């Protein structure tokens, strides 16, 4: 599709050579003190991954309009290294920019991680590695990828590409048949992965992004039949009461449930 409008959602945990919590957070972590340098290096890795994906898209479609939303909590993109041919929605005190999706032809995920409790997945979690035990959507375990992919599908937008570790790619392939995946590392444990070198990873990302751009219009949007029920289970460190303000019913000391007719209403607190 020439001149496609493409929306890229990023996260930091799935970026090339990122394997530790202290690379993804500012301040104290379970693994120790996260330094500004470790976080900037990780952001540089993600920014390079994003730039390689943008290059791949432009290889296939030189007229593409590409908008990148920095989806990592404390920010994952170094703006001074960002690609000159794309647009950026920097991370800030705003909700998820998913309401923009109806303006685009396809969605790409770069730097994605697997959902909480995925065996052998590096840095796996669902929104919080410390306060969320799991999410379920219509009775099935769900993660950040599937919830966003179904929201995109409700807007008629297909997700055509994902990069991250091999477990994140496998998770995405269960949700979106035919999605193009670029696994830049093989997860071994929560903070252990066998990683591609930077050069090899960027070659893979560019190649796979070009392939995905060529499939826009062929991969179908992900569909999940409503009505919808979303269950959140928090850990002992979490606060289930905060979900009440987001429209959830508190079921017990650790569980909250929300029901809605549309995914946009279900996840309205992201908007």
C-alpha atoms as a PDB file:
ATOM      1  CA  UNK A   1       0.000   0.000   0.000  1.00  0.00           C
ATOM      2  CA  UNK A   2       1.769   3.128  -1.206  1.00  0.00           C
ATOM      3  CA  UNK A   3       1.645   6.116   1.107  1.00  0.00           C
ATOM      4  CA  UNK A   4       0.415   4.059   4.053  1.00  0.00           C
ATOM      5  CA  UNK A   5      -0.190   5.718   7.396  1.00  0.00           C
ATOM      6  CA  UNK A   6       1.599   3.655  10.040  1.00  0.00           C
ATOM      7  CA  UNK A   7       1.380   3.843  13.830  1.00  0.00           C
ATOM      8  CA  UNK A   8       4.297   2.382  15.809  1.00  0.00           C
ATOM      9  CA  UNK A   9       3.880   1.588  19.499  1.00  0.00           C
ATOM     10  CA  UNK A  10       7.117   1.085  21.423  1.00  0.00           C
ATOM     11  CA  UNK A  11       8.178  -0.419  24.713  1.00  0.00           C
ATOM     12  CA  UNK A  12      11.657  -0.726  26.167  1.00  0.00           C
ATOM     13  CA  UNK A  13      11.906  -4.234  27.612  1.00  0.00           C
ATOM     14  CA  UNK A  14      11.939  -5.926  24.204  1.00  0.00           C
ATOM     15  CA  UNK A  15      14.685  -3.776  22.695  1.00  0.00           C
ATOM     16  CA  UNK A  16      18.005  -5.152  21.458  1.00  0.00           C
ATOM     17  CA  UNK A  17      20.430  -6.051  24.294  1.00  0.00           C
ATOM     18  CA  UNK A  18      18.002  -4.978  27.040  1.00  0.00           C
ATOM     19  CA  UNK A  19      17.693  -7.746  29.643  1.00  0.00           C
ATOM     20  CA  UNK A  20      17.674  -6.179  33.135  1.00  0.00           C
ATOM     21  CA  UNK A  21      15.150  -4.152  35.091  1.00  0.00           C
ATOM     22  CA  UNK A  22      17.801  -1.569  35.936  1.00  0.00           C
ATOM     23  CA  UNK A  23      18.049  -0.787  32.214  1.00  0.00           C
ATOM     24  CA  UNK A  24      14.381   0.129  32.005  1.00  0.00           C
ATOM     25  CA  UNK A  25      13.642   2.252  35.055  1.00  0.00           C
ATOM     26  CA  UNK A  26      14.728   5.420  36.765  1.00  0.00           C
ATOM     27  CA  UNK A  27      15.577   5.084  40.459  1.00  0.00           C
ATOM     28  CA  UNK A  28      15.524   2.064  42.735  1.00  0.00           C
ATOM     29  CA  UNK A  29      14.688  -1.390  41.374  1.00  0.00           C
ATOM     30  CA  UNK A  30      14.600  -4.868  42.820  1.00  0.00           C
ATOM     31  CA  UNK A  31      17.952  -5.499  41.182  1.00  0.00           C
ATOM     32  CA  UNK A  32      19.535  -2.384  42.683  1.00  0.00           C
ATOM     33  CA  UNK A  33      19.955   1.218  41.702  1.00  0.00           C
ATOM     34  CA  UNK A  34      19.152   2.087  38.099  1.00  0.00           C
ATOM     35  CA  UNK A  35      21.656   4.644  36.809  1.00  0.00           C
ATOM     36  CA  UNK A  36      20.858   7.391  34.304  1.00  0.00           C
ATOM     37  CA  UNK A  37      23.549   5.908  32.051  1.00  0.00           C
ATOM     38  CA  UNK A  38      22.042   2.403  31.990  1.00  0.00           C
ATOM     39  CA  UNK A  39      18.622   3.825  31.130  1.00  0.00           C
ATOM     40  CA  UNK A  40      20.001   6.100  28.412  1.00  0.00           C
ATOM     41  CA  UNK A  41      21.899   3.188  26.862  1.00  0.00           C
ATOM     42  CA  UNK A  42      18.733   1.106  26.792  1.00  0.00           C
ATOM     43  CA  UNK A  43      16.834   4.002  25.254  1.00  0.00           C
ATOM     44  CA  UNK A  44      19.561   4.273  22.634  1.00  0.00           C
ATOM     45  CA  UNK A  45      19.088   0.589  21.820  1.00  0.00           C
ATOM     46  CA  UNK A  46      15.338   1.052  21.400  1.00  0.00           C
ATOM     47  CA  UNK A  47      15.750   4.216  19.361  1.00  0.00           C
ATOM     48  CA  UNK A  48      18.115   2.371  17.036  1.00  0.00           C
ATOM     49  CA  UNK A  49      15.607  -0.483  16.734  1.00  0.00           C
ATOM     50  CA  UNK A  50      12.819   1.955  15.898  1.00  0.00           C
ATOM     51  CA  UNK A  51      14.981   3.715  13.327  1.00  0.00           C
ATOM     52  CA  UNK A  52      15.802   0.387  11.665  1.00  0.00           C
ATOM     53  CA  UNK A  53      12.089  -0.448  11.480  1.00  0.00           C
ATOM     54  CA  UNK A  54      11.345   2.956   9.987  1.00  0.00           C
ATOM     55  CA  UNK A  55      14.096   2.407   7.387  1.00  0.00           C
ATOM     56  CA  UNK A  56      12.523  -0.944   6.494  1.00  0.00           C
ATOM     57  CA  UNK A  57       9.087   0.594   6.080  1.00  0.00           C
ATOM     58  CA  UNK A  58      10.492   3.336   3.858  1.00  0.00           C
ATOM     59  CA  UNK A  59      12.404   0.757   1.799  1.00  0.00           C
ATOM     60  CA  UNK A  60       9.032  -0.737   0.892  1.00  0.00           C
ATOM     61  CA  UNK A  61       6.957   2.442   0.860  1.00  0.00           C
ATOM     62  CA  UNK A  62       8.998   5.662   0.468  1.00  0.00           C
ATOM     63  CA  UNK A  63       5.838   7.754   0.838  1.00  0.00           C
ATOM     64  CA  UNK A  64       4.717   6.207   4.116  1.00  0.00           C
ATOM     65  CA  UNK A  65       3.668   8.514   6.953  1.00  0.00           C
ATOM     66  CA  UNK A  66       5.026   7.067  10.199  1.00  0.00           C
ATOM     67  CA  UNK A  67       4.074   8.149  13.710  1.00  0.00           C
ATOM     68  CA  UNK A  68       5.821   6.620  16.737  1.00  0.00           C
ATOM     69  CA  UNK A  69       4.245   6.660  20.205  1.00  0.00           C
ATOM     70  CA  UNK A  70       6.749   6.213  23.028  1.00  0.00           C
ATOM     71  CA  UNK A  71       4.869   3.696  25.153  1.00  0.00           C
ATOM     72  CA  UNK A  72       7.402   3.057  27.924  1.00  0.00           C
ATOM     73  CA  UNK A  73       6.498   4.335  31.385  1.00  0.00           C
ATOM     74  CA  UNK A  74       9.499   6.583  32.019  1.00  0.00           C
ATOM     75  CA  UNK A  75      10.195   7.112  28.321  1.00  0.00           C
ATOM     76  CA  UNK A  76      12.074   4.872  25.916  1.00  0.00           C
ATOM     77  CA  UNK A  77      13.095   7.081  22.989  1.00  0.00           C
ATOM     78  CA  UNK A  78      16.116   9.375  22.849  1.00  0.00           C
ATOM     79  CA  UNK A  79      14.655  12.201  20.794  1.00  0.00           C
ATOM     80  CA  UNK A  80      18.078  13.455  19.714  1.00  0.00           C
ATOM     81  CA  UNK A  81      18.702  10.115  17.972  1.00  0.00           C
ATOM     82  CA  UNK A  82      15.226   9.731  16.454  1.00  0.00           C
ATOM     83  CA  UNK A  83      14.728   9.144  12.720  1.00  0.00           C
ATOM     84  CA  UNK A  84      14.443  12.348  10.639  1.00  0.00           C
ATOM     85  CA  UNK A  85      11.685  10.929   8.405  1.00  0.00           C
ATOM     86  CA  UNK A  86       9.149  10.039  11.115  1.00  0.00           C
ATOM     87  CA  UNK A  87       6.961  11.767  13.699  1.00  0.00           C
ATOM     88  CA  UNK A  88       7.168  11.169  17.456  1.00  0.00           C
ATOM     89  CA  UNK A  89       4.626  11.346  20.277  1.00  0.00           C
ATOM     90  CA  UNK A  90       6.999  11.704  23.250  1.00  0.00           C
ATOM     91  CA  UNK A  91       6.221  10.053  26.550  1.00  0.00           C
ATOM     92  CA  UNK A  92       4.504  12.364  29.017  1.00  0.00           C
ATOM     93  CA  UNK A  93       1.711  12.617  31.608  1.00  0.00           C
ATOM     94  CA  UNK A  94      -0.927  11.382  29.168  1.00  0.00           C
ATOM     95  CA  UNK A  95      -2.974   8.248  28.651  1.00  0.00           C
ATOM     96  CA  UNK A  96      -2.489   5.758  25.855  1.00  0.00           C
ATOM     97  CA  UNK A  97      -2.798   7.349  22.423  1.00  0.00           C
ATOM     98  CA  UNK A  98      -4.926   4.488  21.098  1.00  0.00           C
ATOM     99  CA  UNK A  99      -7.745   6.908  20.218  1.00  0.00           C
ATOM    100  CA  UNK A 100      -5.562   7.943  17.264  1.00  0.00           C
ATOM    101  CA  UNK A 101      -5.702   4.524  15.649  1.00  0.00           C
ATOM    102  CA  UNK A 102      -8.621   5.176  13.313  1.00  0.00           C
ATOM    103  CA  UNK A 103      -6.351   7.570  11.422  1.00  0.00           C
ATOM    104  CA  UNK A 104      -3.910   4.812  10.389  1.00  0.00           C
ATOM    105  CA  UNK A 105      -3.659   1.869   8.007  1.00  0.00           C
ATOM    106  CA  UNK A 106      -1.519  -0.471  10.133  1.00  0.00           C
ATOM    107  CA  UNK A 107       0.176  -0.812  13.490  1.00  0.00           C
ATOM    108  CA  UNK A 108       3.699  -1.976  14.352  1.00  0.00           C
ATOM    109  CA  UNK A 109       5.044  -2.961  17.807  1.00  0.00           C
ATOM    110  CA  UNK A 110       8.743  -2.395  18.528  1.00  0.00           C
ATOM    111  CA  UNK A 111      10.480  -3.514  21.744  1.00  0.00           C
ATOM    112  CA  UNK A 112       7.576  -5.568  23.069  1.00  0.00           C
ATOM    113  CA  UNK A 113       7.772  -8.028  25.980  1.00  0.00           C
ATOM    114  CA  UNK A 114       5.661 -11.079  26.818  1.00  0.00           C
ATOM    115  CA  UNK A 115       2.802 -11.056  29.321  1.00  0.00           C
ATOM    116  CA  UNK A 116       3.276 -11.713  33.032  1.00  0.00           C
ATOM    117  CA  UNK A 117       4.246 -15.244  34.092  1.00  0.00           C
ATOM    118  CA  UNK A 118       5.433 -16.355  30.641  1.00  0.00           C
ATOM    119  CA  UNK A 119       8.004 -19.099  31.152  1.00  0.00           C
ATOM    120  CA  UNK A 120      11.495 -18.170  29.969  1.00  0.00           C
ATOM    121  CA  UNK A 121      10.470 -14.693  28.823  1.00  0.00           C
ATOM    122  CA  UNK A 122      12.912 -11.895  29.570  1.00  0.00           C
ATOM    123  CA  UNK A 123      11.446  -8.934  31.516  1.00  0.00           C
ATOM    124  CA  UNK A 124       7.917 -10.294  31.104  1.00  0.00           C
ATOM    125  CA  UNK A 125       5.117  -8.428  32.886  1.00  0.00           C
ATOM    126  CA  UNK A 126       1.705  -6.911  32.297  1.00  0.00           C
ATOM    127  CA  UNK A 127       1.950  -3.154  32.861  1.00  0.00           C
ATOM    128  CA  UNK A 128       3.735  -3.570  36.194  1.00  0.00           C
ATOM    129  CA  UNK A 129       6.345  -6.139  37.172  1.00  0.00           C
ATOM    130  CA  UNK A 130       5.679  -5.561  40.879  1.00  0.00           C
ATOM    131  CA  UNK A 131       1.973  -4.844  41.354  1.00  0.00           C
ATOM    132  CA  UNK A 132       0.098  -6.877  38.706  1.00  0.00           C
ATOM    133  CA  UNK A 133      -0.186 -10.674  38.908  1.00  0.00           C
ATOM    134  CA  UNK A 134      -2.176 -11.054  35.683  1.00  0.00           C
ATOM    135  CA  UNK A 135      -4.834  -9.689  33.355  1.00  0.00           C
ATOM    136  CA  UNK A 136      -7.615 -11.749  31.812  1.00  0.00           C
ATOM    137  CA  UNK A 137      -9.753 -10.648  28.878  1.00  0.00           C
ATOM    138  CA  UNK A 138     -12.964 -12.630  28.427  1.00  0.00           C
ATOM    139  CA  UNK A 139     -11.574 -15.357  30.654  1.00  0.00           C
ATOM    140  CA  UNK A 140      -8.198 -15.765  28.938  1.00  0.00           C
ATOM    141  CA  UNK A 141      -4.842 -14.486  30.146  1.00  0.00           C
ATOM    142  CA  UNK A 142      -3.949 -11.340  28.259  1.00  0.00           C
ATOM    143  CA  UNK A 143      -0.957  -9.055  28.010  1.00  0.00           C
ATOM    144  CA  UNK A 144      -0.144  -5.640  26.713  1.00  0.00           C
ATOM    145  CA  UNK A 145       0.220  -6.884  23.141  1.00  0.00           C
ATOM    146  CA  UNK A 146      -3.103  -8.707  22.889  1.00  0.00           C
ATOM    147  CA  UNK A 147      -5.098  -5.959  24.584  1.00  0.00           C
ATOM    148  CA  UNK A 148      -3.713  -3.320  22.248  1.00  0.00           C
ATOM    149  CA  UNK A 149      -4.046  -5.559  19.183  1.00  0.00           C
ATOM    150  CA  UNK A 150      -7.733  -6.181  19.917  1.00  0.00           C
ATOM    151  CA  UNK A 151      -8.295  -2.462  20.471  1.00  0.00           C
ATOM    152  CA  UNK A 152      -6.667  -1.788  17.115  1.00  0.00           C
ATOM    153  CA  UNK A 153      -8.826  -4.515  15.571  1.00  0.00           C
ATOM    154  CA  UNK A 154     -11.984  -2.889  16.923  1.00  0.00           C
ATOM    155  CA  UNK A 155     -10.892   0.268  15.053  1.00  0.00           C
ATOM    156  CA  UNK A 156     -10.363  -1.810  11.890  1.00  0.00           C
ATOM    157  CA  UNK A 157      -6.562  -1.625  12.082  1.00  0.00           C
ATOM    158  CA  UNK A 158      -4.331  -4.681  11.672  1.00  0.00           C
ATOM    159  CA  UNK A 159      -1.121  -5.198  13.623  1.00  0.00           C
ATOM    160  CA  UNK A 160       1.417  -6.429  11.068  1.00  0.00           C
ATOM    161  CA  UNK A 161       4.768  -6.414  12.910  1.00  0.00           C
ATOM    162  CA  UNK A 162       6.285  -7.118  16.315  1.00  0.00           C
ATOM    163  CA  UNK A 163       9.851  -7.110  17.632  1.00  0.00           C
ATOM    164  CA  UNK A 164      11.062  -8.314  21.010  1.00  0.00           C
ATOM    165  CA  UNK A 165      12.214 -11.608  22.483  1.00  0.00           C
ATOM    166  CA  UNK A 166      11.126 -14.934  21.020  1.00  0.00           C
ATOM    167  CA  UNK A 167       8.406 -15.395  23.660  1.00  0.00           C
ATOM    168  CA  UNK A 168       6.816 -12.027  22.860  1.00  0.00           C
ATOM    169  CA  UNK A 169       6.842 -12.882  19.145  1.00  0.00           C
ATOM    170  CA  UNK A 170       5.230 -16.277  19.812  1.00  0.00           C
ATOM    171  CA  UNK A 171       2.545 -14.613  21.949  1.00  0.00           C
ATOM    172  CA  UNK A 172       1.754 -12.156  19.151  1.00  0.00           C
ATOM    173  CA  UNK A 173       1.526 -14.930  16.571  1.00  0.00           C
ATOM    174  CA  UNK A 174      -1.233 -16.561  18.632  1.00  0.00           C
ATOM    175  CA  UNK A 175      -3.261 -13.346  18.449  1.00  0.00           C
ATOM    176  CA  UNK A 176      -2.508 -12.199  14.896  1.00  0.00           C
ATOM    177  CA  UNK A 177      -2.126 -14.970  12.290  1.00  0.00           C
ATOM    178  CA  UNK A 178       0.463 -13.944   9.716  1.00  0.00           C
ATOM    179  CA  UNK A 179       2.069 -11.183  11.784  1.00  0.00           C
ATOM    180  CA  UNK A 180       5.727 -10.605  10.913  1.00  0.00           C
ATOM    181  CA  UNK A 181       7.988 -11.116  13.917  1.00  0.00           C
ATOM    182  CA  UNK A 182      11.587 -10.095  14.559  1.00  0.00           C
ATOM    183  CA  UNK A 183      13.026 -11.873  17.610  1.00  0.00           C
ATOM    184  CA  UNK A 184      16.185  -9.972  18.561  1.00  0.00           C
ATOM    185  CA  UNK A 185      16.864 -12.177  21.608  1.00  0.00           C
ATOM    186  CA  UNK A 186      15.969 -15.576  23.038  1.00  0.00           C
ATOM    187  CA  UNK A 187      14.573 -15.405  26.546  1.00  0.00           C
ATOM    188  CA  UNK A 188      16.087 -17.754  29.120  1.00  0.00           C
ATOM    189  CA  UNK A 189      14.848 -16.313  32.417  1.00  0.00           C
ATOM    190  CA  UNK A 190      13.312 -13.098  33.748  1.00  0.00           C
ATOM    191  CA  UNK A 191      16.595 -11.180  33.421  1.00  0.00           C
ATOM    192  CA  UNK A 192      18.606 -13.497  31.174  1.00  0.00           C
ATOM    193  CA  UNK A 193      18.517 -13.626  27.380  1.00  0.00           C
ATOM    194  CA  UNK A 194      20.749 -14.696  24.505  1.00  0.00           C
ATOM    195  CA  UNK A 195      20.913 -11.540  22.395  1.00  0.00           C
ATOM    196  CA  UNK A 196      21.749 -10.676  18.828  1.00  0.00           C
ATOM    197  CA  UNK A 197      24.481  -8.107  18.425  1.00  0.00           C
ATOM    198  CA  UNK A 198      23.359  -4.619  17.549  1.00  0.00           C
ATOM    199  CA  UNK A 199      24.330  -4.822  13.877  1.00  0.00           C
ATOM    200  CA  UNK A 200      22.677  -8.174  13.225  1.00  0.00           C
ATOM    201  CA  UNK A 201      19.533  -7.125  15.081  1.00  0.00           C
ATOM    202  CA  UNK A 202      19.170  -3.952  13.032  1.00  0.00           C
ATOM    203  CA  UNK A 203      19.559  -5.899   9.788  1.00  0.00           C
ATOM    204  CA  UNK A 204      16.798  -8.270  10.908  1.00  0.00           C
ATOM    205  CA  UNK A 205      14.506  -5.450  12.008  1.00  0.00           C
ATOM    206  CA  UNK A 206      14.884  -3.573   8.747  1.00  0.00           C
ATOM    207  CA  UNK A 207      14.305  -6.686   6.659  1.00  0.00           C
ATOM    208  CA  UNK A 208      11.244  -7.811   8.614  1.00  0.00           C
ATOM    209  CA  UNK A 209       9.755  -4.309   8.743  1.00  0.00           C
ATOM    210  CA  UNK A 210       9.987  -4.077   4.974  1.00  0.00           C
ATOM    211  CA  UNK A 211       8.256  -7.450   4.707  1.00  0.00           C
ATOM    212  CA  UNK A 212       5.499  -6.324   7.073  1.00  0.00           C
ATOM    213  CA  UNK A 213       4.950  -3.061   5.201  1.00  0.00           C
ATOM    214  CA  UNK A 214       4.374  -5.113   2.065  1.00  0.00           C
ATOM    215  CA  UNK A 215       1.609  -7.055   3.826  1.00  0.00           C
ATOM    216  CA  UNK A 216      -0.507  -4.052   4.824  1.00  0.00           C
ATOM    217  CA  UNK A 217      -4.012  -4.778   3.597  1.00  0.00           C
ATOM    218  CA  UNK A 218      -3.440  -8.535   3.588  1.00  0.00           C
ATOM    219  CA  UNK A 219      -3.239  -9.246   7.340  1.00  0.00           C
ATOM    220  CA  UNK A 220      -6.662  -9.033   8.960  1.00  0.00           C
ATOM    221  CA  UNK A 221      -7.409  -6.917  12.048  1.00  0.00           C
ATOM    222  CA  UNK A 222      -7.613  -8.976  15.241  1.00  0.00           C
ATOM    223  CA  UNK A 223     -11.176  -9.616  16.334  1.00  0.00           C
ATOM    224  CA  UNK A 224     -12.517 -10.528  19.763  1.00  0.00           C
ATOM    225  CA  UNK A 225     -16.268 -10.887  20.085  1.00  0.00           C
ATOM    226  CA  UNK A 226     -17.983  -8.838  22.784  1.00  0.00           C
ATOM    227  CA  UNK A 227     -19.362  -8.120  25.270  1.00  0.00           C
ATOM    228  CA  UNK A 228     -16.113  -7.844  27.193  1.00  0.00           C
ATOM    229  CA  UNK A 229     -14.926  -8.657  30.698  1.00  0.00           C
ATOM    230  CA  UNK A 230     -11.537  -7.599  31.997  1.00  0.00           C
ATOM    231  CA  UNK A 231     -10.114  -9.101  35.172  1.00  0.00           C
ATOM    232  CA  UNK A 232      -7.086  -7.677  36.963  1.00  0.00           C
ATOM    233  CA  UNK A 233      -5.335  -9.574  39.742  1.00  0.00           C
ATOM    234  CA  UNK A 234      -2.828  -7.574  41.775  1.00  0.00           C
ATOM    235  CA  UNK A 235       0.053  -8.812  43.883  1.00  0.00           C
ATOM    236  CA  UNK A 236       0.514  -8.242  47.602  1.00  0.00           C
ATOM    237  CA  UNK A 237       2.380  -5.059  46.627  1.00  0.00           C
ATOM    238  CA  UNK A 238      -0.518  -3.814  44.517  1.00  0.00           C
ATOM    239  CA  UNK A 239      -3.569  -1.747  45.419  1.00  0.00           C
ATOM    240  CA  UNK A 240      -6.764  -3.216  44.034  1.00  0.00           C
ATOM    241  CA  UNK A 241      -8.820  -0.266  45.276  1.00  0.00           C
ATOM    242  CA  UNK A 242      -7.352   2.093  42.676  1.00  0.00           C
ATOM    243  CA  UNK A 243      -9.200   0.181  39.935  1.00  0.00           C
ATOM    244  CA  UNK A 244     -12.559   1.248  41.360  1.00  0.00           C
ATOM    245  CA  UNK A 245     -11.973   4.761  40.035  1.00  0.00           C
ATOM    246  CA  UNK A 246     -11.432   3.212  36.588  1.00  0.00           C
ATOM    247  CA  UNK A 247     -14.857   1.586  36.561  1.00  0.00           C
ATOM    248  CA  UNK A 248     -13.933  -1.814  37.982  1.00  0.00           C
ATOM    249  CA  UNK A 249     -15.892  -3.753  40.587  1.00  0.00           C
ATOM    250  CA  UNK A 250     -13.743  -4.980  43.469  1.00  0.00           C
ATOM    251  CA  UNK A 251     -14.246  -8.744  43.774  1.00  0.00           C
ATOM    252  CA  UNK A 252     -11.848  -9.497  46.619  1.00  0.00           C
ATOM    253  CA  UNK A 253      -8.674  -8.151  48.216  1.00  0.00           C
ATOM    254  CA  UNK A 254      -6.650  -8.790  45.048  1.00  0.00           C
ATOM    255  CA  UNK A 255      -9.124  -8.927  42.134  1.00  0.00           C
ATOM    256  CA  UNK A 256     -11.116  -6.342  40.178  1.00  0.00           C
ATOM    257  CA  UNK A 257     -13.439  -6.874  37.188  1.00  0.00           C
ATOM    258  CA  UNK A 258     -14.886  -4.500  34.612  1.00  0.00           C
ATOM    259  CA  UNK A 259     -17.472  -5.220  31.905  1.00  0.00           C
ATOM    260  CA  UNK A 260     -18.304  -3.224  28.776  1.00  0.00           C
ATOM    261  CA  UNK A 261     -19.867  -3.571  25.351  1.00  0.00           C
ATOM    262  CA  UNK A 262     -16.828  -2.172  23.504  1.00  0.00           C
ATOM    263  CA  UNK A 263     -13.103  -2.366  24.098  1.00  0.00           C
ATOM    264  CA  UNK A 264     -12.834   1.398  23.915  1.00  0.00           C
ATOM    265  CA  UNK A 265     -15.237   1.646  26.850  1.00  0.00           C
ATOM    266  CA  UNK A 266     -13.511  -1.222  28.650  1.00  0.00           C
ATOM    267  CA  UNK A 267     -10.121   0.480  28.475  1.00  0.00           C
ATOM    268  CA  UNK A 268     -11.409   4.052  28.588  1.00  0.00           C
ATOM    269  CA  UNK A 269      -8.934   4.954  31.344  1.00  0.00           C
ATOM    270  CA  UNK A 270      -6.141   4.672  28.740  1.00  0.00           C
ATOM    271  CA  UNK A 271      -7.685   7.344  26.529  1.00  0.00           C
END
